[in-house]
Amino acid sequence: MQNTLTFTNLLRLIDERSTAFRAAVASAPSLDAQVPTCPEWTLFDLVQHIGEGRRDWAATVAAGPDAAAKASAEGAPAAPREREALVAWLAESTEQLLDALRKAGPDRGVWMWWGASQSPPTCGAVARHQLQQMAVHTYDAQITIGAPQPLPDEVALDGVEEFLFTCIATPSAWPHEAVLVDLHATEGRSWRLSLSADGARTTRLPEAGAVPATAANTSVWGTASELVLFLYGRIPVDSVKLDGDPGVFDLLQAWEPEE
């Protein structure tokens, strides 16, 4: 059974992805460039989203388990327009998040938006999700400057499961015909997503590429990075190998479960 990343490694990788994000921003010809994977945003908008979001999550973690809603970083400086100052502001935003997480530790409770998912309401789960947010948005920044890089293997391998556990899992009934979706990373991990009247739940398949007794309706193969970027809508379906009906992913994107 594969394990998720340790809390220490999550924090290390958040810092590493943040560094890569800042490098892309520092080398961009213009902060007004449109982000191809988030076309409603310029690169400056993306930077602002990352910086303000990390500061708000730092405040949320610091607020502790009794907070009733996501906190805002009161009195935080606005994102500066000058490039060098903006990169420094980004670095400070990440450090505030990392400092709050280090002080809290992985097991402390925290407000979170993912409700009755398969991810717990802990600071460890927040760190796990924050890593994926930082990794995918780093890809966004890199593609904006014409230099997209795959997500690092250890980030992406954890990212497939984190997306399925946090962003998909719910006890709300799937409003369509029940379906089984298998996802296989070429690095050697596989997962099964079950969508039914009982909701959406993901299990790890015991062996890489294993075929359970009940066959999947749809199966997807790719590198872990390709799977994460596909799940986040950053690359098209023809970027992965898919057997079965690709329409289930359109239905998933449109689904708004109650829980």
Protein backbone atom coordinates (compact mmCIF):
# COMPACT_ATOMS: atom_id res chain seq x y z
CA MET A 1 0.00 0.00 0.00
CA GLN A 2 1.56 3.31 -1.06
CA ASN A 3 1.72 6.11 1.48
CA THR A 4 1.01 9.81 1.10
CA LEU A 5 3.84 12.30 1.53
CA THR A 6 4.96 13.09 5.06
CA PHE A 7 4.12 16.50 6.50
CA THR A 8 7.79 17.50 6.38
CA ASN A 9 8.00 16.60 2.71
CA LEU A 10 4.76 18.43 1.94
CA LEU A 11 6.19 21.63 3.40
CA ARG A 12 9.48 21.13 1.56
CA LEU A 13 7.70 20.64 -1.74
CA ILE A 14 5.41 23.64 -1.24
CA ASP A 15 8.56 25.70 -0.81
CA GLU A 16 10.17 24.16 -3.90
CA ARG A 17 7.12 24.71 -6.11
CA SER A 18 6.82 28.27 -4.82
CA THR A 19 10.44 28.87 -5.79
CA ALA A 20 9.74 27.52 -9.29
CA PHE A 21 6.64 29.72 -9.53
CA ARG A 22 8.64 32.82 -8.61
CA ALA A 23 11.32 31.93 -11.15
CA ALA A 24 8.69 31.85 -13.90
CA VAL A 25 7.30 35.20 -12.79
CA ALA A 26 10.76 36.75 -12.62
CA SER A 27 11.58 35.69 -16.19
CA ALA A 28 8.24 36.59 -17.80
CA PRO A 29 8.45 39.22 -20.54
CA SER A 30 5.32 40.90 -19.18
CA LEU A 31 3.10 40.57 -16.12
CA ASP A 32 0.17 41.44 -18.39
CA ALA A 33 0.54 38.24 -20.43
CA GLN A 34 -2.62 36.13 -20.59
CA VAL A 35 -2.41 32.77 -18.81
CA PRO A 36 -3.39 30.18 -21.46
CA THR A 37 -4.72 27.69 -18.92
CA CYS A 38 -6.64 30.40 -17.01
CA PRO A 39 -7.59 32.74 -19.88
CA GLU A 40 -9.56 35.11 -17.66
CA TRP A 41 -6.33 35.95 -15.81
CA THR A 42 -3.13 37.81 -16.63
CA LEU A 43 0.09 36.61 -15.06
CA PHE A 44 -0.22 39.41 -12.50
CA ASP A 45 -3.73 38.17 -11.64
CA LEU A 46 -2.33 34.67 -11.12
CA VAL A 47 0.43 35.99 -8.87
CA GLN A 48 -2.10 37.99 -6.87
CA HIS A 49 -4.29 34.89 -6.47
CA ILE A 50 -1.36 32.82 -5.24
CA GLY A 51 -0.04 35.42 -2.82
CA GLU A 52 -3.35 36.47 -1.32
CA GLY A 53 -4.56 32.87 -1.14
CA ARG A 54 -1.48 31.65 0.75
CA ARG A 55 -1.82 34.53 3.23
CA ASP A 56 -5.51 33.75 3.79
CA TRP A 57 -4.73 30.06 4.34
CA ALA A 58 -1.98 31.01 6.78
CA ALA A 59 -4.57 33.02 8.74
CA THR A 60 -7.06 30.14 8.53
CA VAL A 61 -4.56 27.63 9.88
CA ALA A 62 -3.59 30.05 12.67
CA ALA A 63 -7.26 30.54 13.59
CA GLY A 64 -7.44 26.92 14.71
CA PRO A 65 -10.14 24.26 14.66
CA ASP A 66 -12.92 26.42 16.09
CA ALA A 67 -13.01 28.85 13.17
CA ALA A 68 -16.40 28.83 11.43
CA ALA A 69 -15.14 30.08 8.07
CA LYS A 70 -12.00 30.72 6.08
CA ALA A 71 -10.03 33.61 7.56
CA SER A 72 -8.69 36.65 5.74
CA ALA A 73 -5.23 38.04 6.21
CA GLU A 74 -6.19 41.37 7.75
CA GLY A 75 -3.88 44.27 7.08
CA ALA A 76 -1.88 42.37 4.47
CA PRO A 77 -0.13 44.53 1.87
CA ALA A 78 -1.53 44.49 -1.64
CA ALA A 79 0.43 42.80 -4.40
CA PRO A 80 2.92 45.37 -5.72
CA ARG A 81 3.20 46.03 -9.44
CA GLU A 82 6.98 46.38 -9.49
CA ARG A 83 8.53 43.02 -10.47
CA GLU A 84 11.21 42.65 -7.82
CA ALA A 85 8.86 43.75 -5.04
CA LEU A 86 6.17 41.37 -6.35
CA VAL A 87 8.51 38.38 -6.25
CA ALA A 88 9.52 39.27 -2.69
CA TRP A 89 5.85 39.62 -1.72
CA LEU A 90 5.21 36.15 -3.14
CA ALA A 91 8.07 34.66 -1.14
CA GLU A 92 6.72 36.26 2.04
CA SER A 93 3.23 34.88 1.30
CA THR A 94 4.57 31.34 1.03
CA GLU A 95 6.66 31.70 4.18
CA GLN A 96 3.61 32.87 6.14
CA LEU A 97 1.74 29.73 5.08
CA LEU A 98 4.65 27.42 5.85
CA ASP A 99 5.24 29.07 9.23
CA ALA A 100 1.57 28.68 10.19
CA LEU A 101 1.59 25.02 9.16
CA ARG A 102 4.83 24.29 11.04
CA LYS A 103 3.45 25.85 14.22
CA ALA A 104 0.15 23.97 13.93
CA GLY A 105 1.52 20.54 13.01
CA PRO A 106 -0.21 17.98 10.77
CA ASP A 107 -2.86 16.70 13.18
CA ARG A 108 -4.46 19.91 14.41
CA GLY A 109 -8.00 20.55 13.21
CA VAL A 110 -8.75 23.43 10.86
CA TRP A 111 -11.61 24.93 8.90
CA MET A 112 -11.73 23.49 5.38
CA TRP A 113 -14.09 23.62 2.43
CA TRP A 114 -14.04 19.94 1.47
CA GLY A 115 -16.66 18.78 3.93
CA ALA A 116 -17.56 15.10 3.77
CA SER A 117 -14.79 14.17 1.37
CA GLN A 118 -12.08 11.55 1.88
CA SER A 119 -9.65 14.17 3.15
CA PRO A 120 -9.67 14.91 6.89
CA PRO A 121 -10.19 18.38 8.42
CA THR A 122 -6.55 18.68 9.49
CA CYS A 123 -3.59 20.91 8.79
CA GLY A 124 -1.89 17.95 7.16
CA ALA A 125 -4.70 17.76 4.60
CA VAL A 126 -4.45 21.53 4.06
CA ALA A 127 -0.72 21.17 3.37
CA ARG A 128 -1.42 18.32 0.95
CA HIS A 129 -3.94 20.39 -0.98
CA GLN A 130 -1.81 23.53 -0.89
CA LEU A 131 1.04 21.62 -2.52
CA GLN A 132 -1.18 20.68 -5.44
CA GLN A 133 -2.50 24.22 -5.79
CA MET A 134 1.06 25.52 -5.88
CA ALA A 135 2.18 22.83 -8.32
CA VAL A 136 -0.63 23.31 -10.82
CA HIS A 137 -0.39 27.09 -10.71
CA THR A 138 3.37 26.82 -11.22
CA TYR A 139 2.56 24.94 -14.42
CA ASP A 140 0.18 27.79 -15.32
CA ALA A 141 2.96 30.34 -14.86
CA GLN A 142 5.46 28.24 -16.80
CA ILE A 143 3.16 27.73 -19.77
CA THR A 144 2.53 31.48 -19.81
CA ILE A 145 6.23 32.08 -20.46
CA GLY A 146 6.39 29.23 -22.99
CA ALA A 147 8.35 26.85 -20.76
CA PRO A 148 5.91 24.35 -19.21
CA GLN A 149 7.48 21.57 -17.14
CA PRO A 150 5.89 18.32 -15.90
CA LEU A 151 5.02 18.25 -12.23
CA PRO A 152 7.78 16.54 -10.20
CA ASP A 153 7.06 12.82 -9.80
CA GLU A 154 6.60 12.82 -6.02
CA VAL A 155 4.26 15.80 -6.24
CA ALA A 156 2.20 14.35 -9.08
CA LEU A 157 1.92 10.84 -7.63
CA ASP A 158 0.40 12.30 -4.48
CA GLY A 159 -1.61 14.76 -6.54
CA VAL A 160 -3.77 12.23 -8.37
CA GLU A 161 -5.09 10.80 -5.12
CA GLU A 162 -5.33 14.19 -3.42
CA PHE A 163 -7.55 15.50 -6.22
CA LEU A 164 -9.79 12.44 -6.12
CA PHE A 165 -10.00 12.44 -2.30
CA THR A 166 -10.51 16.18 -1.86
CA CYS A 167 -12.12 17.58 -5.00
CA ILE A 168 -14.27 14.64 -6.11
CA ALA A 169 -15.20 12.51 -3.09
CA THR A 170 -18.67 13.14 -1.65
CA PRO A 171 -21.58 11.21 -0.11
CA SER A 172 -23.98 13.04 -2.44
CA ALA A 173 -25.63 10.73 -4.95
CA TRP A 174 -24.15 10.70 -8.44
CA PRO A 175 -27.07 11.89 -10.62
CA HIS A 176 -26.19 9.72 -13.60
CA GLU A 177 -25.76 6.03 -14.35
CA ALA A 178 -23.27 4.39 -12.00
CA VAL A 179 -19.77 4.22 -13.41
CA LEU A 180 -16.31 2.95 -12.46
CA VAL A 181 -13.26 4.90 -13.58
CA ASP A 182 -9.72 3.55 -13.22
CA LEU A 183 -6.67 5.81 -13.36
CA HIS A 184 -3.23 4.33 -13.93
CA ALA A 185 0.02 6.28 -13.51
CA THR A 186 2.90 4.88 -15.52
CA GLU A 187 5.14 5.35 -12.46
CA GLY A 188 3.31 2.44 -10.84
CA ARG A 189 0.18 3.53 -8.96
CA SER A 190 -3.49 3.04 -9.78
CA TRP A 191 -6.81 4.20 -8.36
CA ARG A 192 -10.49 3.39 -8.88
CA LEU A 193 -13.16 6.09 -8.72
CA SER A 194 -16.68 4.80 -8.08
CA LEU A 195 -19.60 7.08 -8.96
CA SER A 196 -23.00 5.83 -7.83
CA ALA A 197 -26.08 6.58 -5.75
CA ASP A 198 -23.77 6.27 -2.72
CA GLY A 199 -21.67 9.18 -3.94
CA ALA A 200 -18.11 9.38 -5.19
CA ARG A 201 -15.35 7.38 -3.54
CA THR A 202 -11.82 6.46 -4.57
CA THR A 203 -9.86 3.39 -3.58
CA ARG A 204 -6.26 2.49 -4.28
CA LEU A 205 -5.82 -0.52 -6.50
CA PRO A 206 -3.46 -2.98 -4.79
CA GLU A 207 -1.09 -3.37 -7.75
CA ALA A 208 -0.03 -1.01 -10.47
CA GLY A 209 -2.22 -1.56 -13.51
CA ALA A 210 -4.23 -4.22 -11.67
CA VAL A 211 -7.56 -5.17 -13.22
CA PRO A 212 -10.17 -5.85 -10.50
CA ALA A 213 -12.81 -8.53 -10.88
CA THR A 214 -15.30 -5.86 -11.96
CA ALA A 215 -14.05 -4.08 -15.06
CA ALA A 216 -14.05 -0.29 -15.22
CA ASN A 217 -16.33 1.57 -17.60
CA THR A 218 -13.55 4.04 -18.36
CA SER A 219 -9.78 3.69 -17.85
CA VAL A 220 -7.13 6.39 -18.14
CA TRP A 221 -3.37 5.95 -18.44
CA GLY A 222 -0.63 8.56 -18.31
CA THR A 223 2.26 9.81 -16.28
CA ALA A 224 1.22 11.04 -12.85
CA SER A 225 1.87 14.60 -14.03
CA GLU A 226 -0.36 14.09 -17.08
CA LEU A 227 -3.13 12.65 -14.90
CA VAL A 228 -3.04 15.60 -12.48
CA LEU A 229 -2.99 18.17 -15.26
CA PHE A 230 -5.81 16.36 -17.04
CA LEU A 231 -7.92 16.21 -13.87
CA TYR A 232 -7.38 19.94 -13.33
CA GLY A 233 -8.34 20.69 -16.92
CA ARG A 234 -4.88 21.91 -17.92
CA ILE A 235 -4.35 19.46 -20.78
CA PRO A 236 -6.91 17.90 -23.18
CA VAL A 237 -8.17 14.34 -23.11
CA ASP A 238 -6.00 13.37 -26.08
CA SER A 239 -2.95 14.01 -23.89
CA VAL A 240 -3.67 10.76 -22.01
CA LYS A 241 -4.60 7.27 -23.13
CA LEU A 242 -8.28 6.62 -22.49
CA ASP A 243 -10.45 3.54 -22.99
CA GLY A 244 -14.21 3.90 -22.61
CA ASP A 245 -16.44 6.95 -22.51
CA PRO A 246 -14.57 10.25 -21.98
CA GLY A 247 -17.91 11.96 -21.36
CA VAL A 248 -17.81 10.98 -17.69
CA PHE A 249 -15.22 13.71 -17.14
CA ASP A 250 -17.53 16.32 -18.65
CA LEU A 251 -20.25 15.14 -16.29
CA LEU A 252 -17.85 15.34 -13.34
CA GLN A 253 -16.85 18.88 -14.24
CA ALA A 254 -20.48 19.96 -14.43
CA TRP A 255 -21.53 18.14 -11.23
CA GLU A 256 -22.28 20.27 -8.18
CA PRO A 257 -22.93 17.85 -5.30
CA GLU A 258 -24.73 19.09 -2.21
CA GLU A 259 -22.01 17.86 0.16
